[in-house]
Amino acid sequence: MLTTVWIIQIISAVLLIVLVLLHSPKGDGLGAIGGAANLFSSQKSAEKGLNHVTYVLSAIFLVCSFITGYHLFH
């Protein structure tokens, strides 16, 4: 069973890395100086769905981490 939890944890970790890299940056950065901050704005529904998937995967990763830690130290 612990091997299954490890596999789920590794898969969720890799997917979390990919999802975090897919997120659009929240800050305006240097684009705010020239007024080009809204030039490349993304759709709100896509960002909302991406946030939801990221929250669910992070919860799965945390639960797997707690299960692994409990089995290793108990």
PDB file of N, CA and C in Angstrom:
ATOM      1  N   MET A   1       0.821  -1.188   0.000  1.00  0.00           N
ATOM      2  CA  MET A   1       0.000   0.000   0.000  1.00  0.00           C
ATOM      3  C   MET A   1       0.876   1.268   0.000  1.00  0.00           C
ATOM      4  N   LEU A   2       1.983   1.196   0.722  1.00  0.00           N
ATOM      5  CA  LEU A   2       2.856   2.359   0.807  1.00  0.00           C
ATOM      6  C   LEU A   2       3.477   2.683  -0.552  1.00  0.00           C
ATOM      7  N   THR A   3       3.738   1.667  -1.346  1.00  0.00           N
ATOM      8  CA  THR A   3       4.275   1.893  -2.690  1.00  0.00           C
ATOM      9  C   THR A   3       3.265   2.645  -3.556  1.00  0.00           C
ATOM     10  N   THR A   4       1.993   2.313  -3.420  1.00  0.00           N
ATOM     11  CA  THR A   4       0.944   3.008  -4.156  1.00  0.00           C
ATOM     12  C   THR A   4       0.871   4.474  -3.754  1.00  0.00           C
ATOM     13  N   VAL A   5       1.004   4.741  -2.462  1.00  0.00           N
ATOM     14  CA  VAL A   5       0.976   6.125  -1.975  1.00  0.00           C
ATOM     15  C   VAL A   5       2.173   6.890  -2.516  1.00  0.00           C
ATOM     16  N   TRP A   6       3.328   6.261  -2.559  1.00  0.00           N
ATOM     17  CA  TRP A   6       4.522   6.909  -3.105  1.00  0.00           C
ATOM     18  C   TRP A   6       4.346   7.234  -4.587  1.00  0.00           C
ATOM     19  N   ILE A   7       3.768   6.309  -5.330  1.00  0.00           N
ATOM     20  CA  ILE A   7       3.548   6.539  -6.760  1.00  0.00           C
ATOM     21  C   ILE A   7       2.580   7.699  -6.965  1.00  0.00           C
ATOM     22  N   ILE A   8       1.500   7.725  -6.188  1.00  0.00           N
ATOM     23  CA  ILE A   8       0.532   8.825  -6.279  1.00  0.00           C
ATOM     24  C   ILE A   8       1.199  10.143  -5.911  1.00  0.00           C
ATOM     25  N   GLN A   9       2.067  10.118  -4.896  1.00  0.00           N
ATOM     26  CA  GLN A   9       2.750  11.333  -4.464  1.00  0.00           C
ATOM     27  C   GLN A   9       3.708  11.850  -5.545  1.00  0.00           C
ATOM     28  N   ILE A  10       4.433  10.958  -6.188  1.00  0.00           N
ATOM     29  CA  ILE A  10       5.366  11.367  -7.243  1.00  0.00           C
ATOM     30  C   ILE A  10       4.610  11.931  -8.444  1.00  0.00           C
ATOM     31  N   ILE A  11       3.529  11.276  -8.830  1.00  0.00           N
ATOM     32  CA  ILE A  11       2.732  11.762  -9.961  1.00  0.00           C
ATOM     33  C   ILE A  11       2.124  13.124  -9.650  1.00  0.00           C
ATOM     34  N   SER A  12       1.590  13.279  -8.433  1.00  0.00           N
ATOM     35  CA  SER A  12       0.997  14.569  -8.077  1.00  0.00           C
ATOM     36  C   SER A  12       2.060  15.658  -7.975  1.00  0.00           C
ATOM     37  N   ALA A  13       3.270  15.316  -7.549  1.00  0.00           N
ATOM     38  CA  ALA A  13       4.345  16.309  -7.473  1.00  0.00           C
ATOM     39  C   ALA A  13       4.737  16.794  -8.864  1.00  0.00           C
ATOM     40  N   VAL A  14       4.868  15.883  -9.808  1.00  0.00           N
ATOM     41  CA  VAL A  14       5.231  16.264 -11.173  1.00  0.00           C
ATOM     42  C   VAL A  14       4.121  17.107 -11.804  1.00  0.00           C
ATOM     43  N   LEU A  15       2.868  16.708 -11.590  1.00  0.00           N
ATOM     44  CA  LEU A  15       1.755  17.478 -12.137  1.00  0.00           C
ATOM     45  C   LEU A  15       1.652  18.855 -11.494  1.00  0.00           C
ATOM     46  N   LEU A  16       1.964  18.950 -10.207  1.00  0.00           N
ATOM     47  CA  LEU A  16       1.951  20.248  -9.541  1.00  0.00           C
ATOM     48  C   LEU A  16       3.009  21.182 -10.119  1.00  0.00           C
ATOM     49  N   ILE A  17       4.177  20.647 -10.405  1.00  0.00           N
ATOM     50  CA  ILE A  17       5.227  21.469 -11.013  1.00  0.00           C
ATOM     51  C   ILE A  17       4.762  22.003 -12.358  1.00  0.00           C
ATOM     52  N   VAL A  18       4.155  21.146 -13.162  1.00  0.00           N
ATOM     53  CA  VAL A  18       3.677  21.567 -14.479  1.00  0.00           C
ATOM     54  C   VAL A  18       2.568  22.610 -14.342  1.00  0.00           C
ATOM     55  N   LEU A  19       1.629  22.390 -13.418  1.00  0.00           N
ATOM     56  CA  LEU A  19       0.517  23.321 -13.257  1.00  0.00           C
ATOM     57  C   LEU A  19       0.971  24.676 -12.741  1.00  0.00           C
ATOM     58  N   VAL A  20       1.921  24.693 -11.834  1.00  0.00           N
ATOM     59  CA  VAL A  20       2.418  25.971 -11.324  1.00  0.00           C
ATOM     60  C   VAL A  20       3.122  26.743 -12.434  1.00  0.00           C
ATOM     61  N   LEU A  21       3.830  26.038 -13.293  1.00  0.00           N
ATOM     62  CA  LEU A  21       4.481  26.718 -14.407  1.00  0.00           C
ATOM     63  C   LEU A  21       3.484  27.215 -15.455  1.00  0.00           C
ATOM     64  N   LEU A  22       2.305  26.602 -15.526  1.00  0.00           N
ATOM     65  CA  LEU A  22       1.284  27.037 -16.478  1.00  0.00           C
ATOM     66  C   LEU A  22       0.526  28.274 -16.012  1.00  0.00           C
ATOM     67  N   HIS A  23       0.559  28.562 -14.722  1.00  0.00           N
ATOM     68  CA  HIS A  23      -0.163  29.724 -14.202  1.00  0.00           C
ATOM     69  C   HIS A  23       0.397  31.005 -14.801  1.00  0.00           C
ATOM     70  N   SER A  24      -0.514  31.937 -15.040  1.00  0.00           N
ATOM     71  CA  SER A  24      -0.064  33.244 -15.529  1.00  0.00           C
ATOM     72  C   SER A  24       0.439  34.061 -14.346  1.00  0.00           C
ATOM     73  N   PRO A  25       1.430  34.893 -14.573  1.00  0.00           N
ATOM     74  CA  PRO A  25       1.964  35.694 -13.467  1.00  0.00           C
ATOM     75  C   PRO A  25       0.932  36.700 -12.966  1.00  0.00           C
ATOM     76  N   LYS A  26       0.886  36.883 -11.666  1.00  0.00           N
ATOM     77  CA  LYS A  26      -0.101  37.790 -11.062  1.00  0.00           C
ATOM     78  C   LYS A  26       0.363  39.240 -11.094  1.00  0.00           C
ATOM     79  N   GLY A  27       1.672  39.466 -11.026  1.00  0.00           N
ATOM     80  CA  GLY A  27       2.187  40.823 -11.024  1.00  0.00           C
ATOM     81  C   GLY A  27       2.279  41.385 -12.431  1.00  0.00           C
ATOM     82  N   ASP A  28       2.227  42.698 -12.536  1.00  0.00           N
ATOM     83  CA  ASP A  28       2.321  43.334 -13.837  1.00  0.00           C
ATOM     84  C   ASP A  28       3.759  43.405 -14.333  1.00  0.00           C
ATOM     85  N   GLY A  29       4.690  43.513 -13.415  1.00  0.00           N
ATOM     86  CA  GLY A  29       6.087  43.584 -13.792  1.00  0.00           C
ATOM     87  C   GLY A  29       6.397  44.849 -14.574  1.00  0.00           C
ATOM     88  N   LEU A  30       7.251  44.731 -15.554  1.00  0.00           N
ATOM     89  CA  LEU A  30       7.639  45.888 -16.357  1.00  0.00           C
ATOM     90  C   LEU A  30       6.568  46.288 -17.362  1.00  0.00           C
ATOM     91  N   GLY A  31       5.587  45.426 -17.597  1.00  0.00           N
ATOM     92  CA  GLY A  31       4.508  45.758 -18.522  1.00  0.00           C
ATOM     93  C   GLY A  31       3.615  46.868 -18.014  1.00  0.00           C
ATOM     94  N   ALA A  32       3.601  47.107 -16.710  1.00  0.00           N
ATOM     95  CA  ALA A  32       2.770  48.164 -16.142  1.00  0.00           C
ATOM     96  C   ALA A  32       3.305  49.541 -16.497  1.00  0.00           C
ATOM     97  N   ILE A  33       4.579  49.640 -16.806  1.00  0.00           N
ATOM     98  CA  ILE A  33       5.177  50.944 -17.125  1.00  0.00           C
ATOM     99  C   ILE A  33       4.641  51.460 -18.462  1.00  0.00           C
ATOM    100  N   GLY A  34       4.623  50.603 -19.448  1.00  0.00           N
ATOM    101  CA  GLY A  34       4.186  51.028 -20.768  1.00  0.00           C
ATOM    102  C   GLY A  34       2.707  50.849 -21.021  1.00  0.00           C
ATOM    103  N   GLY A  35       1.972  50.332 -20.069  1.00  0.00           N
ATOM    104  CA  GLY A  35       0.541  50.121 -20.247  1.00  0.00           C
ATOM    105  C   GLY A  35       0.211  48.852 -21.002  1.00  0.00           C
ATOM    106  N   ALA A  36       1.162  47.949 -21.117  1.00  0.00           N
ATOM    107  CA  ALA A  36       0.932  46.701 -21.862  1.00  0.00           C
ATOM    108  C   ALA A  36       0.563  45.553 -20.939  1.00  0.00           C
ATOM    109  N   ALA A  37       0.103  45.846 -19.728  1.00  0.00           N
ATOM    110  CA  ALA A  37      -0.202  44.794 -18.770  1.00  0.00           C
ATOM    111  C   ALA A  37      -1.419  43.982 -19.187  1.00  0.00           C
ATOM    112  N   ASN A  38      -2.393  44.607 -19.824  1.00  0.00           N
ATOM    113  CA  ASN A  38      -3.618  43.914 -20.215  1.00  0.00           C
ATOM    114  C   ASN A  38      -3.566  43.375 -21.637  1.00  0.00           C
ATOM    115  N   LEU A  39      -2.419  43.481 -22.268  1.00  0.00           N
ATOM    116  CA  LEU A  39      -2.295  43.050 -23.654  1.00  0.00           C
ATOM    117  C   LEU A  39      -2.423  41.536 -23.791  1.00  0.00           C
ATOM    118  N   PHE A  40      -1.839  40.808 -22.872  1.00  0.00           N
ATOM    119  CA  PHE A  40      -1.851  39.347 -22.936  1.00  0.00           C
ATOM    120  C   PHE A  40      -2.682  38.750 -21.813  1.00  0.00           C
ATOM    121  N   SER A  41      -3.849  39.279 -21.551  1.00  0.00           N
ATOM    122  CA  SER A  41      -4.677  38.766 -20.451  1.00  0.00           C
ATOM    123  C   SER A  41      -5.319  37.443 -20.854  1.00  0.00           C
ATOM    124  N   SER A  42      -5.423  36.534 -19.894  1.00  0.00           N
ATOM    125  CA  SER A  42      -5.982  35.214 -20.168  1.00  0.00           C
ATOM    126  C   SER A  42      -7.465  35.193 -19.802  1.00  0.00           C
ATOM    127  N   GLN A  43      -8.126  34.125 -20.176  1.00  0.00           N
ATOM    128  CA  GLN A  43      -9.540  33.974 -19.861  1.00  0.00           C
ATOM    129  C   GLN A  43      -9.691  33.644 -18.391  1.00  0.00           C
ATOM    130  N   LYS A  44     -10.715  34.171 -17.784  1.00  0.00           N
ATOM    131  CA  LYS A  44     -10.941  33.953 -16.357  1.00  0.00           C
ATOM    132  C   LYS A  44     -11.379  32.515 -16.065  1.00  0.00           C
ATOM    133  N   SER A  45     -12.153  31.902 -16.941  1.00  0.00           N
ATOM    134  CA  SER A  45     -12.627  30.542 -16.677  1.00  0.00           C
ATOM    135  C   SER A  45     -11.482  29.537 -16.732  1.00  0.00           C
ATOM    136  N   ALA A  46     -10.544  29.745 -17.636  1.00  0.00           N
ATOM    137  CA  ALA A  46      -9.397  28.838 -17.722  1.00  0.00           C
ATOM    138  C   ALA A  46      -8.526  28.963 -16.478  1.00  0.00           C
ATOM    139  N   GLU A  47      -8.335  30.179 -16.009  1.00  0.00           N
ATOM    140  CA  GLU A  47      -7.532  30.405 -14.803  1.00  0.00           C
ATOM    141  C   GLU A  47      -8.224  29.828 -13.576  1.00  0.00           C
ATOM    142  N   LYS A  48      -9.534  29.945 -13.530  1.00  0.00           N
ATOM    143  CA  LYS A  48     -10.294  29.406 -12.398  1.00  0.00           C
ATOM    144  C   LYS A  48     -10.206  27.879 -12.362  1.00  0.00           C
ATOM    145  N   GLY A  49     -10.319  27.250 -13.513  1.00  0.00           N
ATOM    146  CA  GLY A  49     -10.195  25.796 -13.577  1.00  0.00           C
ATOM    147  C   GLY A  49      -8.798  25.326 -13.237  1.00  0.00           C
ATOM    148  N   LEU A  50      -7.796  26.067 -13.680  1.00  0.00           N
ATOM    149  CA  LEU A  50      -6.406  25.736 -13.376  1.00  0.00           C
ATOM    150  C   LEU A  50      -6.131  25.857 -11.879  1.00  0.00           C
ATOM    151  N   ASN A  51      -6.706  26.884 -11.263  1.00  0.00           N
ATOM    152  CA  ASN A  51      -6.559  27.034  -9.812  1.00  0.00           C
ATOM    153  C   ASN A  51      -7.210  25.877  -9.064  1.00  0.00           C
ATOM    154  N   HIS A  52      -8.382  25.459  -9.513  1.00  0.00           N
ATOM    155  CA  HIS A  52      -9.092  24.362  -8.841  1.00  0.00           C
ATOM    156  C   HIS A  52      -8.300  23.057  -8.937  1.00  0.00           C
ATOM    157  N   VAL A  53      -7.788  22.752 -10.110  1.00  0.00           N
ATOM    158  CA  VAL A  53      -6.997  21.523 -10.280  1.00  0.00           C
ATOM    159  C   VAL A  53      -5.735  21.583  -9.431  1.00  0.00           C
ATOM    160  N   THR A  54      -5.117  22.771  -9.339  1.00  0.00           N
ATOM    161  CA  THR A  54      -3.917  22.929  -8.523  1.00  0.00           C
ATOM    162  C   THR A  54      -4.225  22.707  -7.049  1.00  0.00           C
ATOM    163  N   TYR A  55      -5.361  23.234  -6.561  1.00  0.00           N
ATOM    164  CA  TYR A  55      -5.738  23.030  -5.161  1.00  0.00           C
ATOM    165  C   TYR A  55      -5.992  21.561  -4.857  1.00  0.00           C
ATOM    166  N   VAL A  56      -6.668  20.874  -5.763  1.00  0.00           N
ATOM    167  CA  VAL A  56      -6.973  19.458  -5.538  1.00  0.00           C
ATOM    168  C   VAL A  56      -5.687  18.630  -5.535  1.00  0.00           C
ATOM    169  N   LEU A  57      -4.796  18.895  -6.483  1.00  0.00           N
ATOM    170  CA  LEU A  57      -3.534  18.147  -6.532  1.00  0.00           C
ATOM    171  C   LEU A  57      -2.647  18.435  -5.330  1.00  0.00           C
ATOM    172  N   SER A  58      -2.663  19.669  -4.842  1.00  0.00           N
ATOM    173  CA  SER A  58      -1.868  19.972  -3.650  1.00  0.00           C
ATOM    174  C   SER A  58      -2.437  19.287  -2.423  1.00  0.00           C
ATOM    175  N   ALA A  59      -3.756  19.156  -2.338  1.00  0.00           N
ATOM    176  CA  ALA A  59      -4.362  18.424  -1.224  1.00  0.00           C
ATOM    177  C   ALA A  59      -3.999  16.940  -1.293  1.00  0.00           C
ATOM    178  N   ILE A  60      -4.015  16.365  -2.481  1.00  0.00           N
ATOM    179  CA  ILE A  60      -3.633  14.962  -2.650  1.00  0.00           C
ATOM    180  C   ILE A  60      -2.178  14.769  -2.255  1.00  0.00           C
ATOM    181  N   PHE A  61      -1.301  15.696  -2.677  1.00  0.00           N
ATOM    182  CA  PHE A  61       0.108  15.603  -2.328  1.00  0.00           C
ATOM    183  C   PHE A  61       0.311  15.682  -0.812  1.00  0.00           C
ATOM    184  N   LEU A  62      -0.392  16.588  -0.149  1.00  0.00           N
ATOM    185  CA  LEU A  62      -0.255  16.722   1.307  1.00  0.00           C
ATOM    186  C   LEU A  62      -0.747  15.481   2.045  1.00  0.00           C
ATOM    187  N   VAL A  63      -1.865  14.935   1.611  1.00  0.00           N
ATOM    188  CA  VAL A  63      -2.386  13.718   2.258  1.00  0.00           C
ATOM    189  C   VAL A  63      -1.406  12.560   2.076  1.00  0.00           C
ATOM    190  N   CYS A  64      -0.859  12.426   0.876  1.00  0.00           N
ATOM    191  CA  CYS A  64       0.124  11.364   0.641  1.00  0.00           C
ATOM    192  C   CYS A  64       1.379  11.576   1.483  1.00  0.00           C
ATOM    193  N   SER A  65       1.782  12.831   1.670  1.00  0.00           N
ATOM    194  CA  SER A  65       2.952  13.121   2.502  1.00  0.00           C
ATOM    195  C   SER A  65       2.700  12.746   3.955  1.00  0.00           C
ATOM    196  N   PHE A  66       1.516  13.062   4.458  1.00  0.00           N
ATOM    197  CA  PHE A  66       1.183  12.699   5.838  1.00  0.00           C
ATOM    198  C   PHE A  66       1.116  11.185   6.025  1.00  0.00           C
ATOM    199  N   ILE A  67       0.539  10.487   5.064  1.00  0.00           N
ATOM    200  CA  ILE A  67       0.465   9.017   5.154  1.00  0.00           C
ATOM    201  C   ILE A  67       1.858   8.405   5.126  1.00  0.00           C
ATOM    202  N   THR A  68       2.703   8.886   4.233  1.00  0.00           N
ATOM    203  CA  THR A  68       4.078   8.384   4.148  1.00  0.00           C
ATOM    204  C   THR A  68       4.846   8.656   5.423  1.00  0.00           C
ATOM    205  N   GLY A  69       4.724   9.865   5.959  1.00  0.00           N
ATOM    206  CA  GLY A  69       5.404  10.207   7.208  1.00  0.00           C
ATOM    207  C   GLY A  69       4.911   9.374   8.377  1.00  0.00           C
ATOM    208  N   TYR A  70       3.623   9.128   8.426  1.00  0.00           N
ATOM    209  CA  TYR A  70       3.078   8.320   9.512  1.00  0.00           C
ATOM    210  C   TYR A  70       3.617   6.891   9.458  1.00  0.00           C
ATOM    211  N   HIS A  71       3.684   6.326   8.249  1.00  0.00           N
ATOM    212  CA  HIS A  71       4.159   4.947   8.120  1.00  0.00           C
ATOM    213  C   HIS A  71       5.652   4.825   8.357  1.00  0.00           C
ATOM    214  N   LEU A  72       6.405   5.851   8.026  1.00  0.00           N
ATOM    215  CA  LEU A  72       7.854   5.780   8.219  1.00  0.00           C
ATOM    216  C   LEU A  72       8.257   5.953   9.674  1.00  0.00           C
ATOM    217  N   PHE A  73       7.525   6.765  10.412  1.00  0.00           N
ATOM    218  CA  PHE A  73       7.915   7.068  11.783  1.00  0.00           C
ATOM    219  C   PHE A  73       7.042   6.394  12.844  1.00  0.00           C
ATOM    220  N   HIS A  74       6.167   5.533  12.442  1.00  0.00           N
ATOM    221  CA  HIS A  74       5.300   4.872  13.428  1.00  0.00           C
ATOM    222  C   HIS A  74       5.582   3.401  13.494  1.00  0.00           C
TER     223      HIS A  74
END
